[in-house]
Amino acid sequence: TDYRHNTTKAQEQVPQSRVIMESFQVPIQEVHFKPG
């Protein structure tokens, strides 16, 4: 990998963040339509 010399630097640059991904269903009556 071209990244082997930059691993530490890359890790240091990663912000302290996390991504939460979920899937679910919502009844149509609880979804509200707005312009667009």
ModelCIF file with pLDDT and N, C-alpha, C, O atoms, coordinates in Angstrom:
data_MODEL
#
_entry.id   MODEL 
#
_entity.id                         1 
_entity.type                       polymer 
_entity.pdbx_number_of_molecules   1 
#
_entity_poly.entity_id                      1 
_entity_poly.type                           'polypeptide(L)' 
_entity_poly.nstd_linkage                   no 
_entity_poly.nstd_monomer                   no 
_entity_poly.pdbx_seq_one_letter_code       TDYRHNTTKAQEQVPQSRVIMESFQVPIQEVHFKPG 
_entity_poly.pdbx_seq_one_letter_code_can   TDYRHNTTKAQEQVPQSRVIMESFQVPIQEVHFKPG 
_entity_poly.pdbx_strand_id                 A 
#
loop_
_entity_poly_seq.entity_id 
_entity_poly_seq.num 
_entity_poly_seq.mon_id 
_entity_poly_seq.hetero 
1 1  THR n 
1 2  ASP n 
1 3  TYR n 
1 4  ARG n 
1 5  HIS n 
1 6  ASN n 
1 7  THR n 
1 8  THR n 
1 9  LYS n 
1 10 ALA n 
1 11 GLN n 
1 12 GLU n 
1 13 GLN n 
1 14 VAL n 
1 15 PRO n 
1 16 GLN n 
1 17 SER n 
1 18 ARG n 
1 19 VAL n 
1 20 ILE n 
1 21 MET n 
1 22 GLU n 
1 23 SER n 
1 24 PHE n 
1 25 GLN n 
1 26 VAL n 
1 27 PRO n 
1 28 ILE n 
1 29 GLN n 
1 30 GLU n 
1 31 VAL n 
1 32 HIS n 
1 33 PHE n 
1 34 LYS n 
1 35 PRO n 
1 36 GLY n 
#
_struct_asym.id          A 
_struct_asym.entity_id   1 
#
loop_
_ma_qa_metric.id 
_ma_qa_metric.mode 
_ma_qa_metric.name 
_ma_qa_metric.software_group_id 
_ma_qa_metric.type 
1 global pLDDT . pLDDT 
2 local  pLDDT . pLDDT 
#
_ma_qa_metric_global.metric_id      1 
_ma_qa_metric_global.metric_value   70.17 
_ma_qa_metric_global.model_id       1 
_ma_qa_metric_global.ordinal_id     1 
#
loop_
_ma_qa_metric_local.label_asym_id 
_ma_qa_metric_local.label_comp_id 
_ma_qa_metric_local.label_seq_id 
_ma_qa_metric_local.metric_id 
_ma_qa_metric_local.metric_value 
_ma_qa_metric_local.model_id 
_ma_qa_metric_local.ordinal_id 
A THR 1  2 46.00 1 1  
A ASP 2  2 47.00 1 2  
A TYR 3  2 44.00 1 3  
A ARG 4  2 42.00 1 4  
A HIS 5  2 41.00 1 5  
A ASN 6  2 46.00 1 6  
A THR 7  2 44.00 1 7  
A THR 8  2 45.00 1 8  
A LYS 9  2 47.00 1 9  
A ALA 10 2 44.00 1 10 
A GLN 11 2 44.00 1 11 
A GLU 12 2 43.00 1 12 
A GLN 13 2 48.00 1 13 
A VAL 14 2 46.00 1 14 
A PRO 15 2 50.00 1 15 
A GLN 16 2 60.00 1 16 
A SER 17 2 72.00 1 17 
A ARG 18 2 80.00 1 18 
A VAL 19 2 82.00 1 19 
A ILE 20 2 86.00 1 20 
A MET 21 2 84.00 1 21 
A GLU 22 2 86.00 1 22 
A SER 23 2 87.00 1 23 
A PHE 24 2 89.00 1 24 
A GLN 25 2 92.00 1 25 
A VAL 26 2 94.00 1 26 
A PRO 27 2 94.00 1 27 
A ILE 28 2 93.00 1 28 
A GLN 29 2 92.00 1 29 
A GLU 30 2 95.00 1 30 
A VAL 31 2 95.00 1 31 
A HIS 32 2 95.00 1 32 
A PHE 33 2 94.00 1 33 
A LYS 34 2 93.00 1 34 
A PRO 35 2 93.00 1 35 
A GLY 36 2 93.00 1 36 
#
loop_
_atom_site.group_PDB 
_atom_site.id 
_atom_site.type_symbol 
_atom_site.label_atom_id 
_atom_site.label_alt_id 
_atom_site.label_comp_id 
_atom_site.label_asym_id 
_atom_site.label_entity_id 
_atom_site.label_seq_id 
_atom_site.pdbx_PDB_ins_code 
_atom_site.Cartn_x 
_atom_site.Cartn_y 
_atom_site.Cartn_z 
_atom_site.occupancy 
_atom_site.B_iso_or_equiv 
_atom_site.pdbx_formal_charge 
_atom_site.auth_seq_id 
_atom_site.auth_comp_id 
_atom_site.auth_asym_id 
_atom_site.auth_atom_id 
_atom_site.pdbx_PDB_model_num 
ATOM 1   N N  . THR A 1 1  ? 0.836   -1.203 0.000  1.00 46.00 ? 1  THR A N  1 
ATOM 2   C CA . THR A 1 1  ? 0.000   0.000  0.000  1.00 46.00 ? 1  THR A CA 1 
ATOM 3   C C  . THR A 1 1  ? 0.869   1.250  0.000  1.00 46.00 ? 1  THR A C  1 
ATOM 4   O O  . THR A 1 1  ? 1.929   1.293  0.623  1.00 46.00 ? 1  THR A O  1 
ATOM 5   N N  . ASP A 1 2  ? 0.402   2.241  -0.698 1.00 47.00 ? 2  ASP A N  1 
ATOM 6   C CA . ASP A 1 2  ? 1.092   3.527  -0.713 1.00 47.00 ? 2  ASP A CA 1 
ATOM 7   C C  . ASP A 1 2  ? 0.909   4.285  0.587  1.00 47.00 ? 2  ASP A C  1 
ATOM 8   O O  . ASP A 1 2  ? 1.538   5.324  0.792  1.00 47.00 ? 2  ASP A O  1 
ATOM 9   N N  . TYR A 1 3  ? 0.050   3.776  1.477  1.00 44.00 ? 3  TYR A N  1 
ATOM 10  C CA . TYR A 1 3  ? -0.260  4.482  2.705  1.00 44.00 ? 3  TYR A CA 1 
ATOM 11  C C  . TYR A 1 3  ? 0.601   4.040  3.885  1.00 44.00 ? 3  TYR A C  1 
ATOM 12  O O  . TYR A 1 3  ? 0.490   4.595  4.978  1.00 44.00 ? 3  TYR A O  1 
ATOM 13  N N  . ARG A 1 4  ? 1.481   3.019  3.663  1.00 42.00 ? 4  ARG A N  1 
ATOM 14  C CA . ARG A 1 4  ? 2.134   2.408  4.817  1.00 42.00 ? 4  ARG A CA 1 
ATOM 15  C C  . ARG A 1 4  ? 2.988   3.397  5.610  1.00 42.00 ? 4  ARG A C  1 
ATOM 16  O O  . ARG A 1 4  ? 3.158   3.234  6.819  1.00 42.00 ? 4  ARG A O  1 
ATOM 17  N N  . HIS A 1 5  ? 3.538   4.441  4.930  1.00 41.00 ? 5  HIS A N  1 
ATOM 18  C CA . HIS A 1 5  ? 4.357   5.423  5.654  1.00 41.00 ? 5  HIS A CA 1 
ATOM 19  C C  . HIS A 1 5  ? 3.518   6.545  6.245  1.00 41.00 ? 5  HIS A C  1 
ATOM 20  O O  . HIS A 1 5  ? 4.028   7.373  7.000  1.00 41.00 ? 5  HIS A O  1 
ATOM 21  N N  . ASN A 1 6  ? 2.215   6.576  5.899  1.00 46.00 ? 6  ASN A N  1 
ATOM 22  C CA . ASN A 1 6  ? 1.373   7.685  6.342  1.00 46.00 ? 6  ASN A CA 1 
ATOM 23  C C  . ASN A 1 6  ? 0.282   7.234  7.300  1.00 46.00 ? 6  ASN A C  1 
ATOM 24  O O  . ASN A 1 6  ? -0.624  8.001  7.625  1.00 46.00 ? 6  ASN A O  1 
ATOM 25  N N  . THR A 1 7  ? 0.374   5.968  7.759  1.00 44.00 ? 7  THR A N  1 
ATOM 26  C CA . THR A 1 7  ? -0.705  5.444  8.580  1.00 44.00 ? 7  THR A CA 1 
ATOM 27  C C  . THR A 1 7  ? -0.924  6.290  9.824  1.00 44.00 ? 7  THR A C  1 
ATOM 28  O O  . THR A 1 7  ? -2.055  6.668  10.131 1.00 44.00 ? 7  THR A O  1 
ATOM 29  N N  . THR A 1 8  ? 0.143   6.585  10.533 1.00 45.00 ? 8  THR A N  1 
ATOM 30  C CA . THR A 1 8  ? 0.001   7.337  11.776 1.00 45.00 ? 8  THR A CA 1 
ATOM 31  C C  . THR A 1 8  ? -0.578  8.716  11.511 1.00 45.00 ? 8  THR A C  1 
ATOM 32  O O  . THR A 1 8  ? -1.461  9.194  12.223 1.00 45.00 ? 8  THR A O  1 
ATOM 33  N N  . LYS A 1 9  ? -0.054  9.334  10.470 1.00 47.00 ? 9  LYS A N  1 
ATOM 34  C CA . LYS A 1 9  ? -0.536  10.666 10.131 1.00 47.00 ? 9  LYS A CA 1 
ATOM 35  C C  . LYS A 1 9  ? -2.013  10.630 9.756  1.00 47.00 ? 9  LYS A C  1 
ATOM 36  O O  . LYS A 1 9  ? -2.793  11.488 10.169 1.00 47.00 ? 9  LYS A O  1 
ATOM 37  N N  . ALA A 1 10 ? -2.389  9.609  8.954  1.00 44.00 ? 10 ALA A N  1 
ATOM 38  C CA . ALA A 1 10 ? -3.795  9.505  8.539  1.00 44.00 ? 10 ALA A CA 1 
ATOM 39  C C  . ALA A 1 10 ? -4.695  9.318  9.737  1.00 44.00 ? 10 ALA A C  1 
ATOM 40  O O  . ALA A 1 10 ? -5.764  9.920  9.836  1.00 44.00 ? 10 ALA A O  1 
ATOM 41  N N  . GLN A 1 11 ? -4.226  8.435  10.683 1.00 44.00 ? 11 GLN A N  1 
ATOM 42  C CA . GLN A 1 11 ? -5.048  8.199  11.858 1.00 44.00 ? 11 GLN A CA 1 
ATOM 43  C C  . GLN A 1 11 ? -5.196  9.463  12.692 1.00 44.00 ? 11 GLN A C  1 
ATOM 44  O O  . GLN A 1 11 ? -6.268  9.742  13.230 1.00 44.00 ? 11 GLN A O  1 
ATOM 45  N N  . GLU A 1 12 ? -4.112  10.226 12.797 1.00 43.00 ? 12 GLU A N  1 
ATOM 46  C CA . GLU A 1 12 ? -4.177  11.448 13.585 1.00 43.00 ? 12 GLU A CA 1 
ATOM 47  C C  . GLU A 1 12 ? -5.144  12.450 12.980 1.00 43.00 ? 12 GLU A C  1 
ATOM 48  O O  . GLU A 1 12 ? -5.744  13.261 13.685 1.00 43.00 ? 12 GLU A O  1 
ATOM 49  N N  . GLN A 1 13 ? -5.289  12.380 11.635 1.00 48.00 ? 13 GLN A N  1 
ATOM 50  C CA . GLN A 1 13 ? -6.148  13.358 10.982 1.00 48.00 ? 13 GLN A CA 1 
ATOM 51  C C  . GLN A 1 13 ? -7.629  12.980 11.054 1.00 48.00 ? 13 GLN A C  1 
ATOM 52  O O  . GLN A 1 13 ? -8.499  13.815 10.807 1.00 48.00 ? 13 GLN A O  1 
ATOM 53  N N  . VAL A 1 14 ? -7.912  11.714 11.393 1.00 46.00 ? 14 VAL A N  1 
ATOM 54  C CA . VAL A 1 14 ? -9.305  11.290 11.466 1.00 46.00 ? 14 VAL A CA 1 
ATOM 55  C C  . VAL A 1 14 ? -9.982  11.978 12.642 1.00 46.00 ? 14 VAL A C  1 
ATOM 56  O O  . VAL A 1 14 ? -9.523  11.818 13.773 1.00 46.00 ? 14 VAL A O  1 
ATOM 57  N N  . PRO A 1 15 ? -11.053 12.737 12.425 1.00 50.00 ? 15 PRO A N  1 
ATOM 58  C CA . PRO A 1 15 ? -11.732 13.410 13.533 1.00 50.00 ? 15 PRO A CA 1 
ATOM 59  C C  . PRO A 1 15 ? -12.381 12.385 14.449 1.00 50.00 ? 15 PRO A C  1 
ATOM 60  O O  . PRO A 1 15 ? -12.729 11.289 14.009 1.00 50.00 ? 15 PRO A O  1 
ATOM 61  N N  . GLN A 1 16 ? -12.548 12.733 15.716 1.00 60.00 ? 16 GLN A N  1 
ATOM 62  C CA . GLN A 1 16 ? -13.226 11.871 16.662 1.00 60.00 ? 16 GLN A CA 1 
ATOM 63  C C  . GLN A 1 16 ? -14.715 11.876 16.326 1.00 60.00 ? 16 GLN A C  1 
ATOM 64  O O  . GLN A 1 16 ? -15.489 12.680 16.845 1.00 60.00 ? 16 GLN A O  1 
ATOM 65  N N  . SER A 1 17 ? -15.083 10.970 15.460 1.00 72.00 ? 17 SER A N  1 
ATOM 66  C CA . SER A 1 17 ? -16.474 10.945 15.000 1.00 72.00 ? 17 SER A CA 1 
ATOM 67  C C  . SER A 1 17 ? -16.935 9.514  14.826 1.00 72.00 ? 17 SER A C  1 
ATOM 68  O O  . SER A 1 17 ? -16.128 8.586  14.768 1.00 72.00 ? 17 SER A O  1 
ATOM 69  N N  . ARG A 1 18 ? -18.231 9.350  14.744 1.00 80.00 ? 18 ARG A N  1 
ATOM 70  C CA . ARG A 1 18 ? -18.804 8.051  14.444 1.00 80.00 ? 18 ARG A CA 1 
ATOM 71  C C  . ARG A 1 18 ? -20.036 8.260  13.582 1.00 80.00 ? 18 ARG A C  1 
ATOM 72  O O  . ARG A 1 18 ? -20.680 9.308  13.624 1.00 80.00 ? 18 ARG A O  1 
ATOM 73  N N  . VAL A 1 19 ? -20.339 7.255  12.816 1.00 82.00 ? 19 VAL A N  1 
ATOM 74  C CA . VAL A 1 19 ? -21.490 7.311  11.918 1.00 82.00 ? 19 VAL A CA 1 
ATOM 75  C C  . VAL A 1 19 ? -22.482 6.226  12.341 1.00 82.00 ? 19 VAL A C  1 
ATOM 76  O O  . VAL A 1 19 ? -22.127 5.052  12.445 1.00 82.00 ? 19 VAL A O  1 
ATOM 77  N N  . ILE A 1 20 ? -23.715 6.633  12.579 1.00 86.00 ? 20 ILE A N  1 
ATOM 78  C CA . ILE A 1 20 ? -24.782 5.707  12.959 1.00 86.00 ? 20 ILE A CA 1 
ATOM 79  C C  . ILE A 1 20 ? -25.688 5.520  11.755 1.00 86.00 ? 20 ILE A C  1 
ATOM 80  O O  . ILE A 1 20 ? -26.193 6.493  11.196 1.00 86.00 ? 20 ILE A O  1 
ATOM 81  N N  . MET A 1 21 ? -25.893 4.281  11.358 1.00 84.00 ? 21 MET A N  1 
ATOM 82  C CA . MET A 1 21 ? -26.761 3.979  10.226 1.00 84.00 ? 21 MET A CA 1 
ATOM 83  C C  . MET A 1 21 ? -27.862 3.032  10.671 1.00 84.00 ? 21 MET A C  1 
ATOM 84  O O  . MET A 1 21 ? -27.592 1.975  11.241 1.00 84.00 ? 21 MET A O  1 
ATOM 85  N N  . GLU A 1 22 ? -29.096 3.416  10.409 1.00 86.00 ? 22 GLU A N  1 
ATOM 86  C CA . GLU A 1 22 ? -30.230 2.585  10.793 1.00 86.00 ? 22 GLU A CA 1 
ATOM 87  C C  . GLU A 1 22 ? -31.248 2.545  9.656  1.00 86.00 ? 22 GLU A C  1 
ATOM 88  O O  . GLU A 1 22 ? -31.316 3.456  8.831  1.00 86.00 ? 22 GLU A O  1 
ATOM 89  N N  . SER A 1 23 ? -32.028 1.483  9.630  1.00 87.00 ? 23 SER A N  1 
ATOM 90  C CA . SER A 1 23 ? -33.140 1.344  8.686  1.00 87.00 ? 23 SER A CA 1 
ATOM 91  C C  . SER A 1 23 ? -34.389 0.996  9.475  1.00 87.00 ? 23 SER A C  1 
ATOM 92  O O  . SER A 1 23 ? -34.341 0.202  10.415 1.00 87.00 ? 23 SER A O  1 
ATOM 93  N N  . PHE A 1 24 ? -35.507 1.596  9.089  1.00 89.00 ? 24 PHE A N  1 
ATOM 94  C CA . PHE A 1 24 ? -36.759 1.341  9.797  1.00 89.00 ? 24 PHE A CA 1 
ATOM 95  C C  . PHE A 1 24 ? -37.924 1.778  8.916  1.00 89.00 ? 24 PHE A C  1 
ATOM 96  O O  . PHE A 1 24 ? -37.734 2.399  7.870  1.00 89.00 ? 24 PHE A O  1 
ATOM 97  N N  . GLN A 1 25 ? -39.123 1.444  9.358  1.00 92.00 ? 25 GLN A N  1 
ATOM 98  C CA . GLN A 1 25 ? -40.340 1.836  8.660  1.00 92.00 ? 25 GLN A CA 1 
ATOM 99  C C  . GLN A 1 25 ? -41.117 2.827  9.516  1.00 92.00 ? 25 GLN A C  1 
ATOM 100 O O  . GLN A 1 25 ? -41.161 2.712  10.741 1.00 92.00 ? 25 GLN A O  1 
ATOM 101 N N  . VAL A 1 26 ? -41.727 3.801  8.853  1.00 94.00 ? 26 VAL A N  1 
ATOM 102 C CA . VAL A 1 26 ? -42.514 4.828  9.544  1.00 94.00 ? 26 VAL A CA 1 
ATOM 103 C C  . VAL A 1 26 ? -43.918 4.844  8.946  1.00 94.00 ? 26 VAL A C  1 
ATOM 104 O O  . VAL A 1 26 ? -44.052 4.937  7.726  1.00 94.00 ? 26 VAL A O  1 
ATOM 105 N N  . PRO A 1 27 ? -44.966 4.757  9.761  1.00 94.00 ? 27 PRO A N  1 
ATOM 106 C CA . PRO A 1 27 ? -46.333 4.846  9.230  1.00 94.00 ? 27 PRO A CA 1 
ATOM 107 C C  . PRO A 1 27 ? -46.531 6.126  8.425  1.00 94.00 ? 27 PRO A C  1 
ATOM 108 O O  . PRO A 1 27 ? -46.016 7.182  8.791  1.00 94.00 ? 27 PRO A O  1 
ATOM 109 N N  . ILE A 1 28 ? -47.268 6.028  7.343  1.00 93.00 ? 28 ILE A N  1 
ATOM 110 C CA . ILE A 1 28 ? -47.447 7.182  6.455  1.00 93.00 ? 28 ILE A CA 1 
ATOM 111 C C  . ILE A 1 28 ? -48.019 8.380  7.204  1.00 93.00 ? 28 ILE A C  1 
ATOM 112 O O  . ILE A 1 28 ? -47.652 9.520  6.920  1.00 93.00 ? 28 ILE A O  1 
ATOM 113 N N  . GLN A 1 29 ? -48.913 8.134  8.155  1.00 92.00 ? 29 GLN A N  1 
ATOM 114 C CA . GLN A 1 29 ? -49.516 9.251  8.884  1.00 92.00 ? 29 GLN A CA 1 
ATOM 115 C C  . GLN A 1 29 ? -48.508 10.027 9.721  1.00 92.00 ? 29 GLN A C  1 
ATOM 116 O O  . GLN A 1 29 ? -48.774 11.167 10.104 1.00 92.00 ? 29 GLN A O  1 
ATOM 117 N N  . GLU A 1 30 ? -47.359 9.430  10.012 1.00 95.00 ? 30 GLU A N  1 
ATOM 118 C CA . GLU A 1 30 ? -46.331 10.121 10.800 1.00 95.00 ? 30 GLU A CA 1 
ATOM 119 C C  . GLU A 1 30 ? -45.288 10.809 9.930  1.00 95.00 ? 30 GLU A C  1 
ATOM 120 O O  . GLU A 1 30 ? -44.342 11.410 10.440 1.00 95.00 ? 30 GLU A O  1 
ATOM 121 N N  . VAL A 1 31 ? -45.463 10.720 8.623  1.00 95.00 ? 31 VAL A N  1 
ATOM 122 C CA . VAL A 1 31 ? -44.589 11.426 7.680  1.00 95.00 ? 31 VAL A CA 1 
ATOM 123 C C  . VAL A 1 31 ? -45.334 12.643 7.172  1.00 95.00 ? 31 VAL A C  1 
ATOM 124 O O  . VAL A 1 31 ? -46.482 12.526 6.744  1.00 95.00 ? 31 VAL A O  1 
ATOM 125 N N  . HIS A 1 32 ? -44.711 13.803 7.209  1.00 95.00 ? 32 HIS A N  1 
ATOM 126 C CA . HIS A 1 32 ? -45.381 15.048 6.823  1.00 95.00 ? 32 HIS A CA 1 
ATOM 127 C C  . HIS A 1 32 ? -44.761 15.601 5.547  1.00 95.00 ? 32 HIS A C  1 
ATOM 128 O O  . HIS A 1 32 ? -43.542 15.674 5.398  1.00 95.00 ? 32 HIS A O  1 
ATOM 129 N N  . PHE A 1 33 ? -45.640 15.983 4.638  1.00 94.00 ? 33 PHE A N  1 
ATOM 130 C CA . PHE A 1 33 ? -45.184 16.542 3.373  1.00 94.00 ? 33 PHE A CA 1 
ATOM 131 C C  . PHE A 1 33 ? -45.042 18.051 3.491  1.00 94.00 ? 33 PHE A C  1 
ATOM 132 O O  . PHE A 1 33 ? -45.952 18.750 3.937  1.00 94.00 ? 33 PHE A O  1 
ATOM 133 N N  . LYS A 1 34 ? -43.891 18.527 3.085  1.00 93.00 ? 34 LYS A N  1 
ATOM 134 C CA . LYS A 1 34 ? -43.583 19.953 3.027  1.00 93.00 ? 34 LYS A CA 1 
ATOM 135 C C  . LYS A 1 34 ? -43.200 20.274 1.587  1.00 93.00 ? 34 LYS A C  1 
ATOM 136 O O  . LYS A 1 34 ? -43.011 19.357 0.788  1.00 93.00 ? 34 LYS A O  1 
ATOM 137 N N  . PRO A 1 35 ? -43.082 21.568 1.234  1.00 93.00 ? 35 PRO A N  1 
ATOM 138 C CA . PRO A 1 35 ? -42.698 21.896 -0.146 1.00 93.00 ? 35 PRO A CA 1 
ATOM 139 C C  . PRO A 1 35 ? -41.361 21.253 -0.540 1.00 93.00 ? 35 PRO A C  1 
ATOM 140 O O  . PRO A 1 35 ? -40.312 21.622 -0.012 1.00 93.00 ? 35 PRO A O  1 
ATOM 141 N N  . GLY A 1 36 ? -41.404 20.301 -1.460 1.00 93.00 ? 36 GLY A N  1 
ATOM 142 C CA . GLY A 1 36 ? -40.204 19.683 -1.982 1.00 93.00 ? 36 GLY A CA 1 
ATOM 143 C C  . GLY A 1 36 ? -39.537 18.665 -1.083 1.00 93.00 ? 36 GLY A C  1 
ATOM 144 O O  . GLY A 1 36 ? -38.512 18.093 -1.452 1.00 93.00 ? 36 GLY A O  1 
#
